[in-house]
């Protein structure tokens, strides 16, 4: 457990996507992890069927591109979980934002997609 160890750790940032508010399945747990210090900042959510325009995880990454670029420069590893199409779209956005990820993509962008 990162927070319970008391040891310093790298930034842990979560971007999560879904269609509706009910898709925030682990919202309470993610908020607790932020409060405990396991997540460096509050979780970021992209909900594609809420509001007047669709928002996807890759849109949030592009909106936060300066932050993502800084994380990448510090050696961040990005974990992508979800559909294959979403995974490819997020990978592409990450590589556009921080091109240095492309050379180490196998180690720095980890995908668990279906």
C-alpha atoms as a PDB file:
ATOM      1  CA  UNK A   1       0.000   0.000   0.000  1.00  0.00           C
ATOM      2  CA  UNK A   2       1.639   3.207  -1.206  1.00  0.00           C
ATOM      3  CA  UNK A   3       0.103   5.559   1.347  1.00  0.00           C
ATOM      4  CA  UNK A   4       0.542   3.240   4.338  1.00  0.00           C
ATOM      5  CA  UNK A   5       4.230   2.657   3.617  1.00  0.00           C
ATOM      6  CA  UNK A   6       5.057   6.244   4.538  1.00  0.00           C
ATOM      7  CA  UNK A   7       7.799   6.189   1.905  1.00  0.00           C
ATOM      8  CA  UNK A   8       8.001   8.936  -0.683  1.00  0.00           C
ATOM      9  CA  UNK A   9       6.624   7.896  -4.051  1.00  0.00           C
ATOM     10  CA  UNK A  10       6.325   9.254  -7.549  1.00  0.00           C
ATOM     11  CA  UNK A  11       3.223  11.095  -8.633  1.00  0.00           C
ATOM     12  CA  UNK A  12       0.192   8.855  -9.078  1.00  0.00           C
ATOM     13  CA  UNK A  13      -2.437  10.534 -11.249  1.00  0.00           C
ATOM     14  CA  UNK A  14      -5.700   8.957 -12.425  1.00  0.00           C
ATOM     15  CA  UNK A  15      -7.674   9.812 -15.550  1.00  0.00           C
ATOM     16  CA  UNK A  16     -10.845   7.761 -15.888  1.00  0.00           C
ATOM     17  CA  UNK A  17     -13.511   7.638 -18.559  1.00  0.00           C
ATOM     18  CA  UNK A  18     -17.072   6.460 -18.931  1.00  0.00           C
ATOM     19  CA  UNK A  19     -20.327   7.469 -20.509  1.00  0.00           C
ATOM     20  CA  UNK A  20     -22.393   8.619 -17.535  1.00  0.00           C
ATOM     21  CA  UNK A  21     -21.950   9.526 -13.867  1.00  0.00           C
ATOM     22  CA  UNK A  22     -22.910   5.945 -12.918  1.00  0.00           C
ATOM     23  CA  UNK A  23     -19.742   4.809 -14.705  1.00  0.00           C
ATOM     24  CA  UNK A  24     -17.616   6.298 -11.930  1.00  0.00           C
ATOM     25  CA  UNK A  25     -17.660   2.853 -10.320  1.00  0.00           C
ATOM     26  CA  UNK A  26     -14.807   3.426  -7.896  1.00  0.00           C
ATOM     27  CA  UNK A  27     -15.228   7.153  -7.288  1.00  0.00           C
ATOM     28  CA  UNK A  28     -15.452   6.832  -3.489  1.00  0.00           C
ATOM     29  CA  UNK A  29     -12.411   4.572  -3.357  1.00  0.00           C
ATOM     30  CA  UNK A  30     -10.406   6.860  -5.644  1.00  0.00           C
ATOM     31  CA  UNK A  31     -11.306   9.862  -3.487  1.00  0.00           C
ATOM     32  CA  UNK A  32     -10.217   7.963  -0.353  1.00  0.00           C
ATOM     33  CA  UNK A  33      -6.936   7.072  -2.024  1.00  0.00           C
ATOM     34  CA  UNK A  34      -6.397  10.745  -2.817  1.00  0.00           C
ATOM     35  CA  UNK A  35      -7.164  11.737   0.780  1.00  0.00           C
ATOM     36  CA  UNK A  36      -4.683   9.095   2.016  1.00  0.00           C
ATOM     37  CA  UNK A  37      -1.988  10.359  -0.338  1.00  0.00           C
ATOM     38  CA  UNK A  38      -1.871   7.337  -2.646  1.00  0.00           C
ATOM     39  CA  UNK A  39      -3.171   9.501  -5.508  1.00  0.00           C
ATOM     40  CA  UNK A  40      -1.197  12.716  -5.874  1.00  0.00           C
ATOM     41  CA  UNK A  41      -4.213  14.701  -7.036  1.00  0.00           C
ATOM     42  CA  UNK A  42      -7.980  14.167  -7.245  1.00  0.00           C
ATOM     43  CA  UNK A  43      -9.111  11.821 -10.018  1.00  0.00           C
ATOM     44  CA  UNK A  44      -9.942  13.333 -13.403  1.00  0.00           C
ATOM     45  CA  UNK A  45     -13.106  12.068 -15.129  1.00  0.00           C
ATOM     46  CA  UNK A  46     -14.159  12.211 -18.764  1.00  0.00           C
ATOM     47  CA  UNK A  47     -17.834  11.431 -19.307  1.00  0.00           C
ATOM     48  CA  UNK A  48     -18.760  11.100 -22.956  1.00  0.00           C
ATOM     49  CA  UNK A  49     -22.556  11.246 -22.671  1.00  0.00           C
ATOM     50  CA  UNK A  50     -22.960  14.002 -20.081  1.00  0.00           C
ATOM     51  CA  UNK A  51     -23.380  17.616 -21.124  1.00  0.00           C
ATOM     52  CA  UNK A  52     -23.541  19.168 -24.517  1.00  0.00           C
ATOM     53  CA  UNK A  53     -20.318  17.735 -25.908  1.00  0.00           C
ATOM     54  CA  UNK A  54     -18.552  14.424 -25.720  1.00  0.00           C
ATOM     55  CA  UNK A  55     -15.429  14.333 -23.562  1.00  0.00           C
ATOM     56  CA  UNK A  56     -12.974  11.487 -23.675  1.00  0.00           C
ATOM     57  CA  UNK A  57      -9.860  10.702 -21.649  1.00  0.00           C
ATOM     58  CA  UNK A  58      -7.632  11.815 -24.522  1.00  0.00           C
ATOM     59  CA  UNK A  59      -9.441  15.190 -24.485  1.00  0.00           C
ATOM     60  CA  UNK A  60      -8.595  15.640 -20.796  1.00  0.00           C
ATOM     61  CA  UNK A  61      -4.979  14.681 -21.449  1.00  0.00           C
ATOM     62  CA  UNK A  62      -4.728  17.257 -24.218  1.00  0.00           C
ATOM     63  CA  UNK A  63      -6.354  19.878 -21.978  1.00  0.00           C
ATOM     64  CA  UNK A  64      -3.754  19.076 -19.302  1.00  0.00           C
ATOM     65  CA  UNK A  65      -0.896  18.711 -21.770  1.00  0.00           C
ATOM     66  CA  UNK A  66       1.588  20.854 -19.813  1.00  0.00           C
ATOM     67  CA  UNK A  67       1.023  18.706 -16.729  1.00  0.00           C
ATOM     68  CA  UNK A  68       1.265  15.469 -18.747  1.00  0.00           C
ATOM     69  CA  UNK A  69       4.473  16.706 -20.407  1.00  0.00           C
ATOM     70  CA  UNK A  70       6.000  17.402 -16.968  1.00  0.00           C
ATOM     71  CA  UNK A  71       5.013  13.956 -15.703  1.00  0.00           C
ATOM     72  CA  UNK A  72       6.561  12.364 -18.789  1.00  0.00           C
ATOM     73  CA  UNK A  73       9.765  14.375 -18.322  1.00  0.00           C
ATOM     74  CA  UNK A  74       9.979  13.032 -14.750  1.00  0.00           C
ATOM     75  CA  UNK A  75       9.874   9.462 -16.091  1.00  0.00           C
ATOM     76  CA  UNK A  76       6.183   8.702 -15.633  1.00  0.00           C
ATOM     77  CA  UNK A  77       4.785   5.357 -16.710  1.00  0.00           C
ATOM     78  CA  UNK A  78       1.253   5.542 -18.123  1.00  0.00           C
ATOM     79  CA  UNK A  79      -1.184   2.654 -17.639  1.00  0.00           C
ATOM     80  CA  UNK A  80      -4.145   2.462 -20.006  1.00  0.00           C
ATOM     81  CA  UNK A  81      -7.049   0.110 -19.313  1.00  0.00           C
ATOM     82  CA  UNK A  82     -10.237  -0.209 -21.350  1.00  0.00           C
ATOM     83  CA  UNK A  83     -11.361  -0.851 -24.892  1.00  0.00           C
ATOM     84  CA  UNK A  84      -8.792  -1.325 -27.636  1.00  0.00           C
ATOM     85  CA  UNK A  85     -10.056   1.736 -29.552  1.00  0.00           C
ATOM     86  CA  UNK A  86      -9.912   3.952 -26.456  1.00  0.00           C
ATOM     87  CA  UNK A  87      -6.446   2.635 -25.650  1.00  0.00           C
ATOM     88  CA  UNK A  88      -5.106   3.512 -29.083  1.00  0.00           C
ATOM     89  CA  UNK A  89      -6.671   6.984 -28.942  1.00  0.00           C
ATOM     90  CA  UNK A  90      -5.143   7.647 -25.513  1.00  0.00           C
ATOM     91  CA  UNK A  91      -1.744   6.280 -26.606  1.00  0.00           C
ATOM     92  CA  UNK A  92      -1.798   8.566 -29.636  1.00  0.00           C
ATOM     93  CA  UNK A  93      -2.676  11.593 -27.494  1.00  0.00           C
ATOM     94  CA  UNK A  94       0.147  10.798 -25.048  1.00  0.00           C
ATOM     95  CA  UNK A  95       2.666  10.476 -27.876  1.00  0.00           C
ATOM     96  CA  UNK A  96       1.501  13.761 -29.410  1.00  0.00           C
ATOM     97  CA  UNK A  97       1.789  15.541 -26.054  1.00  0.00           C
ATOM     98  CA  UNK A  98       5.131  13.986 -25.071  1.00  0.00           C
ATOM     99  CA  UNK A  99       6.907  12.619 -28.174  1.00  0.00           C
ATOM    100  CA  UNK A 100       9.760  11.264 -26.015  1.00  0.00           C
ATOM    101  CA  UNK A 101       7.350   8.535 -24.867  1.00  0.00           C
ATOM    102  CA  UNK A 102       7.422   7.029 -28.341  1.00  0.00           C
ATOM    103  CA  UNK A 103      10.992   5.764 -28.068  1.00  0.00           C
ATOM    104  CA  UNK A 104      10.273   3.988 -24.769  1.00  0.00           C
ATOM    105  CA  UNK A 105       6.609   3.217 -25.447  1.00  0.00           C
ATOM    106  CA  UNK A 106       6.856  -0.456 -24.467  1.00  0.00           C
ATOM    107  CA  UNK A 107       8.127   0.489 -21.004  1.00  0.00           C
ATOM    108  CA  UNK A 108       6.414   3.842 -20.484  1.00  0.00           C
ATOM    109  CA  UNK A 109       2.939   3.197 -21.931  1.00  0.00           C
ATOM    110  CA  UNK A 110       1.421   0.001 -20.555  1.00  0.00           C
ATOM    111  CA  UNK A 111      -1.857  -1.188 -22.020  1.00  0.00           C
ATOM    112  CA  UNK A 112      -4.451  -3.625 -20.735  1.00  0.00           C
ATOM    113  CA  UNK A 113      -7.124  -3.430 -23.404  1.00  0.00           C
ATOM    114  CA  UNK A 114      -9.883  -5.678 -24.720  1.00  0.00           C
END
